[in-house]
Amino acid sequence: MMQFEKIVERIERVASESAVVIFSKSSCCMCHAIQRLFCGMGVNPTVHDLDLDPWGEDMEKALMLHLSTPNPVPVVFIGGQLIGAMDRVMASHINGSLVPLLKQAGALWL
């Protein structure tokens, strides 16, 4: 259990290092799509590729448990708060709640 707690701590630390953090995999097309969405909005997200992190596999398992999904990437944190996977981010974008979150986190100035 201690190992799991360390992994969750690592996720929380990485997620709070920047206004927008995307946990990703370098070969994931949906991860690239979500990055393009943020870049197109003028946001420069920090991308943490789990396949390039020595703890990445364990971090991915922890995210799967937390999100109750077999496909944990991409996972987006804004202002250190979990927003969710692609479906939650797109729903927030469509319903207009994404921009205020980005502004509140200091990721978007317009």
N, C-alpha and C. Protein backbone atom coordinates (compact mmCIF):
# COMPACT_ATOMS: atom_id res chain seq x y z
N MET A 1 0.83 -1.21 0.00
CA MET A 1 0.00 0.00 0.00
C MET A 1 0.86 1.26 0.00
N MET A 2 1.99 1.18 0.66
CA MET A 2 2.89 2.33 0.71
C MET A 2 3.33 2.73 -0.70
N GLN A 3 3.62 1.74 -1.53
CA GLN A 3 4.03 2.01 -2.91
C GLN A 3 2.92 2.77 -3.64
N PHE A 4 1.66 2.32 -3.47
CA PHE A 4 0.53 2.97 -4.12
C PHE A 4 0.42 4.43 -3.66
N GLU A 5 0.60 4.66 -2.37
CA GLU A 5 0.52 6.03 -1.84
C GLU A 5 1.60 6.91 -2.45
N LYS A 6 2.80 6.36 -2.64
CA LYS A 6 3.88 7.12 -3.27
C LYS A 6 3.55 7.46 -4.71
N ILE A 7 2.92 6.53 -5.39
CA ILE A 7 2.54 6.75 -6.79
C ILE A 7 1.48 7.85 -6.88
N VAL A 8 0.49 7.79 -5.99
CA VAL A 8 -0.55 8.82 -5.97
C VAL A 8 0.07 10.18 -5.64
N GLU A 9 1.00 10.21 -4.69
CA GLU A 9 1.71 11.46 -4.36
C GLU A 9 2.43 12.01 -5.59
N ARG A 10 3.07 11.12 -6.34
CA ARG A 10 3.80 11.55 -7.55
C ARG A 10 2.83 12.14 -8.58
N ILE A 11 1.69 11.49 -8.76
CA ILE A 11 0.68 12.01 -9.69
C ILE A 11 0.23 13.39 -9.25
N GLU A 12 -0.07 13.54 -7.96
CA GLU A 12 -0.53 14.84 -7.44
C GLU A 12 0.54 15.90 -7.59
N ARG A 13 1.80 15.54 -7.35
CA ARG A 13 2.89 16.51 -7.48
C ARG A 13 3.05 16.97 -8.93
N VAL A 14 3.08 16.01 -9.85
CA VAL A 14 3.21 16.35 -11.27
C VAL A 14 2.01 17.18 -11.73
N ALA A 15 0.81 16.79 -11.27
CA ALA A 15 -0.42 17.47 -11.69
C ALA A 15 -0.49 18.91 -11.21
N SER A 16 0.23 19.22 -10.13
CA SER A 16 0.16 20.59 -9.59
C SER A 16 1.34 21.46 -10.01
N GLU A 17 2.24 20.93 -10.84
CA GLU A 17 3.43 21.69 -11.24
C GLU A 17 3.13 22.77 -12.27
N SER A 18 2.04 22.63 -13.01
CA SER A 18 1.68 23.59 -14.05
C SER A 18 0.18 23.83 -14.02
N ALA A 19 -0.24 24.90 -14.68
CA ALA A 19 -1.67 25.22 -14.72
C ALA A 19 -2.48 24.11 -15.40
N VAL A 20 -1.94 23.54 -16.48
CA VAL A 20 -2.61 22.45 -17.19
C VAL A 20 -1.61 21.33 -17.39
N VAL A 21 -1.97 20.15 -16.90
CA VAL A 21 -1.11 18.97 -17.04
C VAL A 21 -1.92 17.87 -17.70
N ILE A 22 -1.34 17.29 -18.74
CA ILE A 22 -1.96 16.16 -19.42
C ILE A 22 -1.09 14.94 -19.20
N PHE A 23 -1.66 13.91 -18.58
CA PHE A 23 -0.97 12.62 -18.51
C PHE A 23 -1.30 11.91 -19.81
N SER A 24 -0.26 11.48 -20.50
CA SER A 24 -0.38 11.08 -21.89
C SER A 24 0.50 9.86 -22.15
N LYS A 25 0.43 9.38 -23.37
CA LYS A 25 1.40 8.41 -23.90
C LYS A 25 1.84 8.95 -25.24
N SER A 26 3.11 8.83 -25.53
CA SER A 26 3.66 9.45 -26.74
C SER A 26 3.04 8.89 -28.02
N SER A 27 2.50 7.67 -27.99
CA SER A 27 1.94 7.07 -29.19
C SER A 27 0.41 7.15 -29.26
N CYS A 28 -0.21 7.86 -28.32
CA CYS A 28 -1.68 7.91 -28.22
C CYS A 28 -2.25 9.05 -29.06
N CYS A 29 -3.08 8.71 -30.06
CA CYS A 29 -3.64 9.74 -30.94
C CYS A 29 -4.63 10.63 -30.20
N MET A 30 -5.40 10.10 -29.25
CA MET A 30 -6.33 10.92 -28.49
C MET A 30 -5.58 11.91 -27.59
N CYS A 31 -4.41 11.49 -27.12
CA CYS A 31 -3.58 12.38 -26.31
C CYS A 31 -3.10 13.55 -27.15
N HIS A 32 -2.70 13.26 -28.37
CA HIS A 32 -2.26 14.34 -29.27
C HIS A 32 -3.42 15.27 -29.61
N ALA A 33 -4.62 14.70 -29.77
CA ALA A 33 -5.80 15.52 -30.08
C ALA A 33 -6.12 16.48 -28.94
N ILE A 34 -6.04 16.01 -27.71
CA ILE A 34 -6.36 16.88 -26.56
C ILE A 34 -5.29 17.96 -26.42
N GLN A 35 -4.04 17.62 -26.72
CA GLN A 35 -2.97 18.63 -26.69
C GLN A 35 -3.24 19.71 -27.72
N ARG A 36 -3.68 19.30 -28.90
CA ARG A 36 -3.98 20.25 -29.98
C ARG A 36 -5.16 21.15 -29.59
N LEU A 37 -6.14 20.59 -28.91
CA LEU A 37 -7.28 21.39 -28.45
C LEU A 37 -6.78 22.53 -27.56
N PHE A 38 -5.96 22.20 -26.56
CA PHE A 38 -5.47 23.22 -25.64
C PHE A 38 -4.57 24.22 -26.36
N CYS A 39 -3.67 23.73 -27.20
CA CYS A 39 -2.78 24.64 -27.94
C CYS A 39 -3.59 25.57 -28.84
N GLY A 40 -4.65 25.05 -29.46
CA GLY A 40 -5.52 25.86 -30.30
C GLY A 40 -6.26 26.94 -29.54
N MET A 41 -6.42 26.73 -28.23
CA MET A 41 -7.07 27.73 -27.37
C MET A 41 -6.06 28.73 -26.83
N GLY A 42 -4.79 28.54 -27.14
CA GLY A 42 -3.75 29.43 -26.63
C GLY A 42 -3.19 28.99 -25.28
N VAL A 43 -3.44 27.74 -24.91
CA VAL A 43 -2.95 27.19 -23.65
C VAL A 43 -1.76 26.29 -23.95
N ASN A 44 -0.72 26.41 -23.14
CA ASN A 44 0.46 25.58 -23.32
C ASN A 44 0.51 24.53 -22.20
N PRO A 45 -0.09 23.36 -22.42
CA PRO A 45 -0.14 22.36 -21.35
C PRO A 45 1.21 21.69 -21.13
N THR A 46 1.44 21.24 -19.92
CA THR A 46 2.58 20.37 -19.64
C THR A 46 2.12 18.95 -19.92
N VAL A 47 2.87 18.26 -20.75
CA VAL A 47 2.51 16.89 -21.12
C VAL A 47 3.46 15.94 -20.42
N HIS A 48 2.90 15.02 -19.66
CA HIS A 48 3.69 14.02 -18.94
C HIS A 48 3.42 12.67 -19.59
N ASP A 49 4.37 12.23 -20.42
CA ASP A 49 4.22 10.96 -21.13
C ASP A 49 4.54 9.80 -20.20
N LEU A 50 3.52 9.03 -19.87
CA LEU A 50 3.69 7.92 -18.94
C LEU A 50 4.61 6.83 -19.48
N ASP A 51 4.63 6.66 -20.80
CA ASP A 51 5.49 5.63 -21.38
C ASP A 51 6.97 6.01 -21.34
N LEU A 52 7.28 7.26 -20.99
CA LEU A 52 8.67 7.71 -20.89
C LEU A 52 9.10 7.89 -19.43
N ASP A 53 8.19 7.62 -18.49
CA ASP A 53 8.46 7.78 -17.06
C ASP A 53 8.72 6.39 -16.46
N PRO A 54 9.80 6.24 -15.67
CA PRO A 54 10.07 4.94 -15.07
C PRO A 54 8.91 4.46 -14.16
N TRP A 55 8.15 5.39 -13.60
CA TRP A 55 7.01 5.05 -12.75
C TRP A 55 5.71 5.04 -13.56
N GLY A 56 5.81 5.27 -14.86
CA GLY A 56 4.64 5.48 -15.69
C GLY A 56 3.61 4.37 -15.66
N GLU A 57 4.06 3.12 -15.69
CA GLU A 57 3.11 2.01 -15.70
C GLU A 57 2.29 1.99 -14.40
N ASP A 58 2.97 2.20 -13.28
CA ASP A 58 2.26 2.24 -11.99
C ASP A 58 1.35 3.46 -11.91
N MET A 59 1.80 4.59 -12.46
CA MET A 59 0.97 5.79 -12.46
C MET A 59 -0.28 5.56 -13.31
N GLU A 60 -0.11 4.88 -14.44
CA GLU A 60 -1.24 4.58 -15.31
C GLU A 60 -2.25 3.69 -14.58
N LYS A 61 -1.77 2.69 -13.85
CA LYS A 61 -2.68 1.81 -13.09
C LYS A 61 -3.43 2.60 -12.02
N ALA A 62 -2.74 3.50 -11.35
CA ALA A 62 -3.40 4.32 -10.32
C ALA A 62 -4.46 5.21 -10.94
N LEU A 63 -4.17 5.79 -12.10
CA LEU A 63 -5.16 6.63 -12.79
C LEU A 63 -6.36 5.79 -13.23
N MET A 64 -6.10 4.55 -13.70
CA MET A 64 -7.20 3.66 -14.10
C MET A 64 -8.12 3.39 -12.92
N LEU A 65 -7.53 3.12 -11.75
CA LEU A 65 -8.34 2.87 -10.55
C LEU A 65 -9.13 4.10 -10.16
N HIS A 66 -8.48 5.25 -10.21
CA HIS A 66 -9.13 6.50 -9.79
C HIS A 66 -10.29 6.89 -10.71
N LEU A 67 -10.08 6.67 -12.01
CA LEU A 67 -11.10 7.06 -13.00
C LEU A 67 -12.07 5.93 -13.32
N SER A 68 -11.79 4.73 -12.81
CA SER A 68 -12.62 3.55 -13.11
C SER A 68 -12.78 3.35 -14.61
N THR A 69 -11.65 3.36 -15.31
CA THR A 69 -11.67 3.19 -16.75
C THR A 69 -10.47 2.35 -17.19
N PRO A 70 -10.64 1.54 -18.23
CA PRO A 70 -9.49 0.77 -18.73
C PRO A 70 -8.53 1.61 -19.58
N ASN A 71 -8.97 2.80 -20.00
CA ASN A 71 -8.15 3.68 -20.84
C ASN A 71 -7.91 4.99 -20.11
N PRO A 72 -6.84 5.07 -19.32
CA PRO A 72 -6.66 6.24 -18.47
C PRO A 72 -6.06 7.46 -19.15
N VAL A 73 -5.57 7.33 -20.36
CA VAL A 73 -4.98 8.50 -21.00
C VAL A 73 -5.78 8.89 -22.22
N PRO A 74 -5.87 10.17 -22.51
CA PRO A 74 -5.29 11.28 -21.76
C PRO A 74 -6.12 11.60 -20.51
N VAL A 75 -5.42 12.06 -19.48
CA VAL A 75 -6.07 12.55 -18.27
C VAL A 75 -5.59 13.97 -18.05
N VAL A 76 -6.54 14.88 -17.81
CA VAL A 76 -6.22 16.30 -17.71
C VAL A 76 -6.47 16.80 -16.29
N PHE A 77 -5.48 17.55 -15.79
CA PHE A 77 -5.60 18.27 -14.53
C PHE A 77 -5.47 19.75 -14.85
N ILE A 78 -6.34 20.57 -14.29
CA ILE A 78 -6.28 22.02 -14.45
C ILE A 78 -6.22 22.63 -13.06
N GLY A 79 -5.20 23.43 -12.83
CA GLY A 79 -5.02 24.02 -11.51
C GLY A 79 -4.85 22.97 -10.42
N GLY A 80 -4.24 21.85 -10.77
CA GLY A 80 -4.02 20.76 -9.83
C GLY A 80 -5.23 19.90 -9.56
N GLN A 81 -6.37 20.24 -10.17
CA GLN A 81 -7.62 19.49 -9.96
C GLN A 81 -7.88 18.56 -11.15
N LEU A 82 -8.28 17.35 -10.84
CA LEU A 82 -8.60 16.39 -11.89
C LEU A 82 -9.84 16.85 -12.65
N ILE A 83 -9.70 16.97 -13.96
CA ILE A 83 -10.86 17.26 -14.82
C ILE A 83 -11.39 15.94 -15.37
N GLY A 84 -10.49 15.10 -15.82
CA GLY A 84 -10.89 13.78 -16.29
C GLY A 84 -10.25 13.42 -17.61
N ALA A 85 -10.85 12.42 -18.23
CA ALA A 85 -10.35 11.92 -19.50
C ALA A 85 -10.93 12.75 -20.65
N MET A 86 -10.68 12.31 -21.85
CA MET A 86 -11.07 13.02 -23.07
C MET A 86 -12.56 13.40 -23.07
N ASP A 87 -13.43 12.47 -22.67
CA ASP A 87 -14.87 12.75 -22.72
C ASP A 87 -15.27 13.90 -21.80
N ARG A 88 -14.67 13.96 -20.61
CA ARG A 88 -14.99 15.03 -19.66
C ARG A 88 -14.46 16.37 -20.15
N VAL A 89 -13.26 16.36 -20.72
CA VAL A 89 -12.67 17.60 -21.23
C VAL A 89 -13.50 18.14 -22.39
N MET A 90 -13.88 17.26 -23.31
CA MET A 90 -14.69 17.70 -24.45
C MET A 90 -16.06 18.19 -24.01
N ALA A 91 -16.68 17.52 -23.05
CA ALA A 91 -17.98 17.96 -22.54
C ALA A 91 -17.85 19.34 -21.90
N SER A 92 -16.76 19.55 -21.15
CA SER A 92 -16.53 20.87 -20.52
C SER A 92 -16.30 21.94 -21.57
N HIS A 93 -15.60 21.58 -22.63
CA HIS A 93 -15.34 22.53 -23.71
C HIS A 93 -16.66 22.91 -24.40
N ILE A 94 -17.48 21.91 -24.67
CA ILE A 94 -18.75 22.15 -25.38
C ILE A 94 -19.73 22.94 -24.52
N ASN A 95 -19.79 22.64 -23.21
CA ASN A 95 -20.78 23.33 -22.37
C ASN A 95 -20.28 24.68 -21.84
N GLY A 96 -19.05 25.05 -22.20
CA GLY A 96 -18.54 26.37 -21.85
C GLY A 96 -17.86 26.47 -20.49
N SER A 97 -17.71 25.37 -19.78
CA SER A 97 -17.11 25.44 -18.45
C SER A 97 -15.58 25.31 -18.47
N LEU A 98 -15.01 24.94 -19.62
CA LEU A 98 -13.56 24.74 -19.69
C LEU A 98 -12.79 26.06 -19.62
N VAL A 99 -13.23 27.07 -20.37
CA VAL A 99 -12.53 28.36 -20.41
C VAL A 99 -12.46 29.01 -19.03
N PRO A 100 -13.55 29.07 -18.26
CA PRO A 100 -13.43 29.64 -16.91
C PRO A 100 -12.44 28.88 -16.02
N LEU A 101 -12.38 27.55 -16.15
CA LEU A 101 -11.41 26.77 -15.38
C LEU A 101 -9.99 27.14 -15.77
N LEU A 102 -9.76 27.30 -17.05
CA LEU A 102 -8.43 27.67 -17.55
C LEU A 102 -8.03 29.06 -17.08
N LYS A 103 -9.00 30.00 -17.10
CA LYS A 103 -8.72 31.35 -16.63
C LYS A 103 -8.42 31.35 -15.13
N GLN A 104 -9.20 30.61 -14.37
CA GLN A 104 -9.01 30.54 -12.92
C GLN A 104 -7.64 29.95 -12.57
N ALA A 105 -7.16 29.01 -13.37
CA ALA A 105 -5.86 28.37 -13.12
C ALA A 105 -4.69 29.24 -13.64
N GLY A 106 -5.01 30.31 -14.36
CA GLY A 106 -3.97 31.17 -14.91
C GLY A 106 -3.37 30.65 -16.19
N ALA A 107 -4.07 29.73 -16.86
CA ALA A 107 -3.57 29.15 -18.10
C ALA A 107 -4.04 29.93 -19.32
N LEU A 108 -5.06 30.75 -19.14
CA LEU A 108 -5.67 31.48 -20.25
C LEU A 108 -5.96 32.89 -19.78
N TRP A 109 -5.59 33.85 -20.59
CA TRP A 109 -5.73 35.26 -20.17
C TRP A 109 -6.87 35.98 -20.86
N LEU A 110 -7.38 35.44 -21.95
CA LEU A 110 -8.41 36.14 -22.73
C LEU A 110 -9.78 36.05 -22.09
